[in-house]
Protein backbone atom coordinates (compact mmCIF):
# COMPACT_ATOMS: atom_id res chain seq x y z
CA MET A 1 26.86 -98.94 -62.62
CA LYS A 2 26.51 -96.05 -60.13
CA THR A 3 27.49 -92.63 -61.46
CA PHE A 4 28.76 -89.60 -59.54
CA SER A 5 27.43 -86.12 -60.01
CA ILE A 6 29.62 -83.01 -60.08
CA SER A 7 28.46 -82.21 -56.52
CA HIS A 8 29.64 -85.64 -55.32
CA PHE A 9 33.01 -85.08 -56.96
CA LEU A 10 33.39 -81.64 -55.37
CA CYS A 11 32.56 -83.02 -51.91
CA ILE A 12 35.20 -85.73 -52.28
CA LEU A 13 37.73 -83.15 -53.47
CA LEU A 14 37.03 -80.84 -50.50
CA LEU A 15 37.37 -83.72 -48.03
CA ALA A 16 40.67 -84.73 -49.63
CA CYS A 17 41.99 -81.17 -49.41
CA SER A 18 40.89 -80.90 -45.78
CA TYR A 19 42.63 -84.17 -44.91
CA SER A 20 45.77 -83.06 -46.73
CA ALA A 21 45.85 -79.77 -44.81
CA HIS A 22 45.62 -81.58 -41.47
CA ALA A 23 48.25 -84.10 -42.58
CA ASP A 24 50.58 -81.26 -43.57
CA LEU A 25 50.27 -79.57 -40.17
CA SER A 26 50.84 -82.89 -38.41
CA GLN A 27 54.13 -83.31 -40.26
CA THR A 28 55.09 -79.68 -39.70
CA ILE A 29 54.55 -80.02 -35.95
CA LYS A 30 56.94 -82.98 -35.91
CA GLN A 31 59.55 -80.81 -37.61
CA VAL A 32 58.99 -77.79 -35.35
CA LYS A 33 58.76 -79.42 -31.89
CA PRO A 34 62.48 -80.32 -31.54
CA SER A 35 63.33 -76.62 -32.03
CA VAL A 36 60.94 -75.29 -29.36
CA VAL A 37 62.39 -74.92 -25.87
CA ALA A 38 61.23 -73.81 -22.43
CA VAL A 39 63.09 -70.89 -20.86
CA GLY A 40 63.60 -70.88 -17.12
CA ALA A 41 66.07 -71.49 -14.31
CA ALA A 42 67.56 -74.50 -12.53
CA TYR A 43 69.78 -75.35 -9.58
CA PRO A 44 72.61 -77.91 -9.84
CA PRO A 45 71.08 -81.41 -9.46
CA LYS A 46 72.78 -82.14 -6.11
CA ALA A 47 72.66 -78.62 -4.69
CA VAL A 48 68.98 -77.66 -4.56
CA PRO A 49 68.39 -75.38 -1.54
CA ARG A 50 65.84 -76.58 1.01
CA GLY A 51 62.35 -75.39 0.16
CA LYS A 52 63.26 -74.55 -3.44
CA LYS A 53 62.13 -76.24 -6.65
CA PRO A 54 64.93 -77.83 -8.73
CA SER A 55 63.73 -75.95 -11.80
CA THR A 56 61.17 -73.37 -12.88
CA TYR A 57 59.73 -72.50 -16.28
CA TRP A 58 59.24 -68.88 -17.32
CA GLY A 59 58.14 -69.06 -20.94
CA THR A 60 58.91 -70.43 -24.39
CA GLY A 61 61.67 -69.91 -26.93
CA PHE A 62 62.92 -71.42 -30.17
CA ALA A 63 66.28 -72.05 -31.81
CA ILE A 64 67.60 -70.15 -34.84
CA GLY A 65 70.89 -69.70 -36.67
CA ALA A 66 73.48 -72.37 -35.88
CA GLY A 67 71.23 -73.82 -33.17
CA ASN A 68 72.89 -72.12 -30.21
CA GLU A 69 70.73 -68.98 -30.36
CA ILE A 70 67.30 -68.94 -28.69
CA VAL A 71 64.64 -66.33 -29.45
CA THR A 72 62.15 -65.40 -26.72
CA ASN A 73 60.33 -62.35 -25.35
CA TYR A 74 62.36 -59.92 -23.28
CA HIS A 75 59.72 -59.91 -20.53
CA VAL A 76 60.17 -63.68 -20.14
CA ILE A 77 63.73 -63.21 -18.84
CA SER A 78 63.39 -59.76 -17.26
CA SER A 79 60.44 -60.63 -15.02
CA HIS A 80 62.38 -63.21 -12.99
CA GLU A 81 65.46 -63.17 -10.77
CA VAL A 82 68.10 -65.90 -10.67
CA ASP A 83 69.50 -66.93 -7.28
CA ILE A 84 73.16 -66.53 -8.24
CA ALA A 85 74.34 -66.92 -4.64
CA LYS A 86 72.93 -70.48 -4.59
CA ASN A 87 74.30 -71.34 -8.07
CA GLU A 88 70.94 -71.14 -9.79
CA LYS A 89 71.35 -70.47 -13.52
CA MET A 90 69.15 -69.35 -16.37
CA VAL A 91 68.65 -72.34 -18.67
CA VAL A 92 66.67 -73.57 -21.63
CA PHE A 93 64.99 -76.96 -21.38
CA VAL A 94 65.25 -79.13 -24.49
CA GLY A 95 63.12 -82.24 -24.92
CA GLN A 96 59.95 -83.46 -23.24
CA GLY A 97 58.92 -84.52 -19.76
CA GLU A 98 61.55 -86.04 -17.47
CA ARG A 99 63.91 -86.63 -20.40
CA ALA A 100 64.40 -82.93 -20.98
CA LYS A 101 67.92 -81.54 -20.70
CA ALA A 102 68.83 -78.14 -19.28
CA TYR A 103 71.40 -76.05 -21.15
CA PRO A 104 72.90 -72.98 -19.40
CA ALA A 105 71.96 -69.76 -21.20
CA VAL A 106 73.17 -66.16 -21.23
CA VAL A 107 71.55 -63.06 -22.69
CA HIS A 108 73.12 -62.28 -26.07
CA LYS A 109 70.98 -59.44 -27.47
CA VAL A 110 67.83 -57.59 -26.40
CA ASP A 111 65.29 -55.33 -28.09
CA LEU A 112 63.21 -53.64 -25.40
CA GLU A 113 61.16 -51.71 -27.92
CA HIS A 114 59.80 -54.90 -29.49
CA ASP A 115 60.02 -57.09 -26.34
CA LEU A 116 62.49 -59.53 -27.91
CA ALA A 117 65.65 -61.24 -26.68
CA ILE A 118 68.20 -63.68 -28.08
CA LEU A 119 69.93 -66.08 -25.68
CA ARG A 120 73.13 -68.05 -26.27
CA ILE A 121 73.27 -71.61 -24.96
CA GLU A 122 76.02 -74.14 -24.27
CA GLY A 123 74.81 -76.68 -26.78
CA LYS A 124 72.86 -76.84 -30.00
CA VAL A 125 69.21 -77.32 -30.88
CA LYS A 126 67.70 -77.94 -34.30
CA PRO A 127 67.08 -74.39 -35.64
CA LEU A 128 63.93 -73.11 -37.29
CA THR A 129 63.94 -71.13 -40.53
CA LEU A 130 62.89 -67.49 -40.35
CA ALA A 131 60.47 -66.29 -43.03
CA ASN A 132 61.29 -63.10 -44.91
CA ALA A 133 60.62 -59.71 -43.35
CA SER A 134 57.39 -59.00 -45.24
CA LEU A 135 54.19 -58.68 -43.22
CA ILE A 136 51.74 -61.57 -43.64
CA ASP A 137 48.31 -60.92 -45.11
CA GLU A 138 45.21 -61.04 -42.93
CA GLY A 139 43.36 -64.35 -43.24
CA LYS A 140 46.56 -66.40 -43.48
CA GLU A 141 46.44 -69.66 -41.50
CA VAL A 142 49.12 -69.91 -38.83
CA ALA A 143 50.16 -72.18 -35.96
CA PHE A 144 52.22 -71.78 -32.82
CA THR A 145 53.83 -74.31 -30.49
CA GLY A 146 54.86 -73.60 -26.92
CA TYR A 147 54.46 -74.30 -23.22
CA PRO A 148 51.22 -72.70 -21.96
CA LEU A 149 50.99 -72.27 -18.18
CA GLY A 150 54.52 -73.60 -17.68
CA MET A 151 54.84 -75.89 -14.66
CA VAL A 152 51.07 -76.50 -14.51
CA LEU A 153 51.03 -78.60 -17.67
CA GLY A 154 54.66 -79.73 -17.50
CA LEU A 155 57.28 -79.79 -20.21
CA TYR A 156 55.04 -80.94 -23.04
CA PRO A 157 54.64 -78.58 -26.02
CA VAL A 158 51.14 -77.66 -27.13
CA THR A 159 50.19 -76.50 -30.65
CA ASN A 160 47.38 -74.08 -31.55
CA LYS A 161 46.11 -73.19 -35.01
CA GLY A 162 44.26 -70.09 -36.20
CA ILE A 163 44.43 -67.23 -38.62
CA ILE A 164 45.89 -63.74 -38.66
CA SER A 165 42.70 -61.80 -38.05
CA ALA A 166 44.32 -58.36 -38.19
CA VAL A 167 47.57 -56.47 -38.52
CA THR A 168 46.98 -53.96 -35.76
CA PRO A 169 49.01 -51.10 -34.24
CA VAL A 170 50.06 -51.16 -30.62
CA VAL A 171 52.36 -49.02 -28.48
CA MET A 172 54.65 -51.27 -26.45
CA PRO A 173 54.76 -50.14 -22.79
CA ALA A 174 58.02 -48.88 -21.29
CA PHE A 175 59.49 -51.26 -18.71
CA SER A 176 60.24 -48.20 -16.54
CA SER A 177 60.12 -44.45 -16.90
CA LYS A 178 63.91 -44.42 -17.21
CA SER A 179 63.76 -46.72 -20.25
CA LEU A 180 61.44 -44.43 -22.20
CA THR A 181 63.73 -43.32 -25.01
CA ALA A 182 63.33 -40.70 -27.70
CA ALA A 183 62.75 -43.50 -30.19
CA GLN A 184 59.88 -44.87 -28.07
CA ILE A 185 58.32 -41.43 -27.76
CA LYS A 186 58.54 -41.13 -31.53
CA ARG A 187 56.82 -44.52 -31.86
CA LEU A 188 53.82 -43.13 -29.97
CA ARG A 189 53.11 -41.27 -33.21
CA SER A 190 53.91 -44.36 -35.30
CA PRO A 191 52.91 -47.46 -33.26
CA LEU A 192 54.32 -50.95 -33.75
CA ASN A 193 52.22 -53.22 -35.97
CA VAL A 194 51.59 -56.67 -34.54
CA TYR A 195 49.63 -59.73 -35.64
CA GLN A 196 46.29 -60.28 -33.93
CA LEU A 197 45.29 -63.96 -33.89
CA ASP A 198 41.87 -65.55 -33.43
CA THR A 199 43.11 -68.09 -30.88
CA SER A 200 43.97 -68.01 -27.19
CA ALA A 201 47.50 -68.04 -25.77
CA TYR A 202 48.62 -68.03 -22.14
CA PRO A 203 51.57 -66.45 -20.29
CA GLY A 204 53.71 -69.57 -20.78
CA ASN A 205 53.23 -69.20 -24.54
CA SER A 206 55.25 -65.98 -24.57
CA GLY A 207 58.18 -66.51 -26.93
CA SER A 208 56.53 -69.31 -28.92
CA PRO A 209 57.23 -69.37 -32.66
CA LEU A 210 54.30 -68.37 -34.90
CA TYR A 211 54.83 -70.31 -38.11
CA ASP A 212 53.45 -71.29 -41.50
CA PRO A 213 51.54 -74.60 -41.04
CA GLU A 214 52.81 -75.88 -44.40
CA THR A 215 56.50 -74.95 -44.26
CA GLY A 216 57.28 -74.35 -40.59
CA ALA A 217 58.94 -71.01 -41.40
CA VAL A 218 58.68 -68.60 -38.46
CA ILE A 219 56.62 -65.50 -39.20
CA GLY A 220 56.33 -64.08 -35.68
CA VAL A 221 56.96 -64.43 -31.94
CA LEU A 222 53.98 -64.91 -29.59
CA ASN A 223 53.54 -62.19 -27.01
CA SER A 224 50.74 -63.01 -24.58
CA VAL A 225 51.53 -60.52 -21.82
CA TYR A 226 52.69 -57.05 -22.81
CA VAL A 227 50.79 -56.64 -26.06
CA LYS A 228 47.60 -58.12 -24.59
CA GLY A 229 47.95 -55.90 -21.53
CA THR A 230 48.22 -52.86 -23.76
CA LYS A 231 45.54 -53.74 -26.30
CA GLU A 232 42.98 -55.18 -23.88
CA SER A 233 43.59 -53.24 -20.67
CA VAL A 234 40.04 -51.87 -20.86
CA LEU A 235 38.47 -55.33 -20.92
CA GLU A 236 37.47 -56.95 -17.64
CA ASN A 237 37.62 -60.39 -19.23
CA PRO A 238 40.14 -60.52 -22.10
CA SER A 239 38.78 -62.06 -25.30
CA GLY A 240 40.05 -65.25 -26.89
CA ILE A 241 42.65 -63.56 -29.06
CA SER A 242 46.43 -63.41 -28.99
CA TYR A 243 49.20 -61.32 -30.49
CA ALA A 244 52.59 -61.87 -32.10
CA ILE A 245 55.57 -59.67 -32.94
CA PRO A 246 56.39 -59.89 -36.69
CA VAL A 247 59.59 -61.79 -37.51
CA ARG A 248 61.09 -58.71 -39.22
CA HIS A 249 62.13 -57.51 -35.78
CA VAL A 250 64.01 -60.76 -35.11
CA HIS A 251 65.89 -60.22 -38.38
CA ASN A 252 66.80 -56.69 -37.25
CA LEU A 253 68.04 -57.93 -33.86
CA ARG A 254 70.42 -60.59 -35.21
C-alpha cells in the first residue's frame, strides 16, 4: 500500500486551503454584487432629447442602512451636470445589463474633506454591512466590486482582489479655493490616512466598496481619481496601485 510523507500531506493541505479561499470569495461576490450600483443620470424613457444618450454612468456606489442610502465618492456626483431643463435626473442603476433598473436619487449628505457622499433613492437595494471603524492591518487581503470604465464595459460589475500594501497619509485636494476651510488647512499638518492597494482601479471604480473577502463587510470606499491624482501627480505613468478611504469616515457621515 502506498504511503504519504509529511511533505505530501502538507501539499494537499495547502491546496485545500487555497481552494477554500477561492470558494469563499466566490460566495462573497454573490452576496455583494446585488448591493453594488452604478451612479449616473438618465432621461425619461420616452423623452430623450435628440443627440443625447438615454443614460450615462459616472461611477460606482453601494447600499447601506435600510437599503435606500447609497455611498459613493463626492467627486462622482460633483463632476457632472444634470440637464434639469430636459427632465434628466441623477439615478442609481440596480441590476445588470439591459435588465438594470434606474432609481431616482438625491444627495443626502456630503463630506468634501474625505470625498464621500450619501445619496437617497426611491427604492431599496440589499444593503452591505459596514465593518467597525478600526484601521485594517497592512497585508490584509481585500476585494472590491464596481464598474470600471463605465459605459465602455457596460453595466456588468467587475471584482478585483489584492492586499492592503500600506496605510499611507494623503492630503485631499480642495475642490476650489473657496472650499478650503480651516479644518482642511489644519489637516495639512495631519494628513488623512488612506489604504494603498496593490491592484489597479479605474475612474469608474470610484465609489466601489472595499470589503473583506470572507465576510463581505465593507472596510473602505475606492477612490481612483482624487487620491491617485494627489499621491501620484509626479508620475508620468501611474503605477498599478489604487487607494481607498477607510470606512470610519462613512460611519462619521451617517
